[in-house]
Protein backbone atom coordinates (compact mmCIF):
# COMPACT_ATOMS: atom_id res chain seq x y z
CA UNK A 1 7.07 -9.42 -17.57
CA UNK A 2 6.61 -8.34 -13.99
CA UNK A 3 6.24 -4.64 -13.31
CA UNK A 4 5.69 -2.73 -10.10
CA UNK A 5 5.11 0.95 -10.80
CA UNK A 6 5.06 3.39 -7.90
CA UNK A 7 3.51 6.84 -7.99
CA UNK A 8 2.43 9.57 -5.62
CA UNK A 9 5.75 10.74 -4.26
CA UNK A 10 6.76 14.37 -4.09
CA UNK A 11 7.65 17.30 -1.89
CA UNK A 12 5.48 17.95 1.16
CA UNK A 13 5.77 20.14 4.22
CA UNK A 14 6.16 18.64 7.69
CA UNK A 15 2.78 17.56 8.99
CA UNK A 16 1.45 16.99 5.51
CA UNK A 17 0.17 13.85 3.81
CA UNK A 18 0.92 11.81 0.73
CA UNK A 19 -0.58 8.66 -0.71
CA UNK A 20 1.72 6.31 -2.58
CA UNK A 21 0.38 3.80 -5.06
CA UNK A 22 2.00 0.72 -6.56
CA UNK A 23 0.38 -0.86 -9.58
CA UNK A 24 1.45 -4.43 -10.27
CA UNK A 25 1.30 -6.34 -13.53
CA UNK A 26 2.56 -9.71 -14.66
CA UNK A 27 1.89 -11.45 -11.34
CA UNK A 28 -1.04 -13.12 -9.65
CA UNK A 29 -1.36 -10.14 -7.34
CA UNK A 30 -3.73 -11.65 -4.79
CA UNK A 31 -1.30 -14.37 -3.70
CA UNK A 32 1.64 -12.04 -3.15
CA UNK A 33 2.59 -10.37 0.10
CA UNK A 34 2.95 -6.68 -0.68
CA UNK A 35 4.99 -4.17 1.20
CA UNK A 36 6.65 -0.79 1.19
CA UNK A 37 10.30 -0.14 1.97
CA UNK A 38 12.33 3.05 2.02
CA UNK A 39 15.94 4.07 1.71
CA UNK A 40 17.28 7.40 2.90
CA UNK A 41 20.63 8.76 1.67
CA UNK A 42 23.50 6.93 3.35
CA UNK A 43 21.21 4.44 5.05
CA UNK A 44 20.13 0.86 4.44
CA UNK A 45 16.79 0.05 2.93
CA UNK A 46 14.25 -0.57 5.67
CA UNK A 47 10.82 -2.11 5.85
CA UNK A 48 8.09 0.50 6.34
CA UNK A 49 4.88 -1.50 6.13
CA UNK A 50 3.83 -4.87 4.85
CA UNK A 51 1.04 -7.37 4.72
CA UNK A 52 1.84 -10.60 6.49
CA UNK A 53 0.06 -13.93 6.59
CA UNK A 54 -3.67 -13.85 7.16
CA UNK A 55 -3.99 -10.30 5.90
CA UNK A 56 -2.47 -8.71 8.98
CA UNK A 57 -0.16 -5.75 8.67
CA UNK A 58 3.18 -4.87 10.16
CA UNK A 59 4.79 -1.44 10.49
CA UNK A 60 8.15 -0.14 11.55
CA UNK A 61 7.78 1.56 14.92
CA UNK A 62 8.62 5.01 13.59
CA UNK A 63 5.52 5.13 11.35
CA UNK A 64 2.95 3.39 13.54
CA UNK A 65 -0.15 5.52 13.90
CA UNK A 66 0.84 7.73 10.94
CA UNK A 67 1.07 5.39 7.94
CA UNK A 68 -1.49 2.89 6.67
CA UNK A 69 -0.93 0.19 4.08
CA UNK A 70 -3.87 -1.09 2.06
CA UNK A 71 -4.46 -3.08 -1.09
CA UNK A 72 -7.08 -3.43 -3.78
CA UNK A 73 -6.79 -6.87 -5.35
CA UNK A 74 -9.30 -5.94 -8.06
CA UNK A 75 -6.95 -3.15 -9.20
CA UNK A 76 -3.69 -5.03 -8.51
CA UNK A 77 -2.62 -2.05 -6.45
CA UNK A 78 -1.14 -1.49 -3.01
CA UNK A 79 -1.23 1.87 -1.28
CA UNK A 80 0.62 3.64 1.48
CA UNK A 81 -1.23 6.51 3.11
CA UNK A 82 1.28 8.68 4.92
CA UNK A 83 0.03 11.29 7.40
CA UNK A 84 1.80 13.63 9.80
CA UNK A 85 4.94 13.40 7.71
CA UNK A 86 8.26 14.29 9.29
CA UNK A 87 11.57 15.32 7.72
CA UNK A 88 13.00 11.94 8.77
CA UNK A 89 10.48 10.25 6.48
CA UNK A 90 12.41 11.64 3.52
CA UNK A 91 13.56 8.72 1.39
CA UNK A 92 13.02 6.81 -1.80
CA UNK A 93 10.05 4.53 -1.23
CA UNK A 94 9.98 1.13 -2.93
CA UNK A 95 7.15 -1.27 -3.51
CA UNK A 96 7.86 -4.96 -2.94
CA UNK A 97 6.01 -8.11 -3.94
CA UNK A 98 7.09 -11.50 -2.65
CA UNK A 99 5.84 -15.00 -2.10
CA UNK A 100 7.15 -18.42 -1.13
CA UNK A 101 6.94 -21.90 -2.67
CA UNK A 102 8.32 -21.07 -5.13
CA UNK A 103 10.08 -18.05 -3.85
CA UNK A 104 9.61 -14.86 -5.89
CA UNK A 105 10.67 -11.33 -5.00
CA UNK A 106 10.11 -8.18 -7.07
CA UNK A 107 10.86 -4.48 -6.59
CA UNK A 108 9.54 -1.30 -8.10
CA UNK A 109 11.79 1.49 -9.32
CA UNK A 110 11.07 3.71 -6.33
CA UNK A 111 9.44 7.07 -5.79
CA UNK A 112 11.02 10.00 -3.98
CA UNK A 113 9.33 11.45 -0.91
CA UNK A 114 10.80 14.66 0.47
CA UNK A 115 9.47 16.24 3.64
CA UNK A 116 10.78 19.76 4.02
CA UNK A 117 9.62 23.27 4.76
């Protein structure tokens, strides 16, 4: 059974930081591309940060320079360090694991991040 369990969300003031974690089980973690998505109320889910082929990373423009994605294959965990948080970063953040050949795609249950004073 595949599980992606996010943690680390919460309420933070503008300018603050949070570190999200996503612990994976039931998959061969090292061969999966891992990423973080978010969905704000009334908006579509959007890609925030992801690992792409060759270990490179990709970020949505709005978080570049503020967020950092990392992974620890020994712990089957992917992280999202979020600094200089803004109210517009408020959303439910989801962890994603996917691969091709054969194609597999898994989601976590989400963790709420609220940036407010």
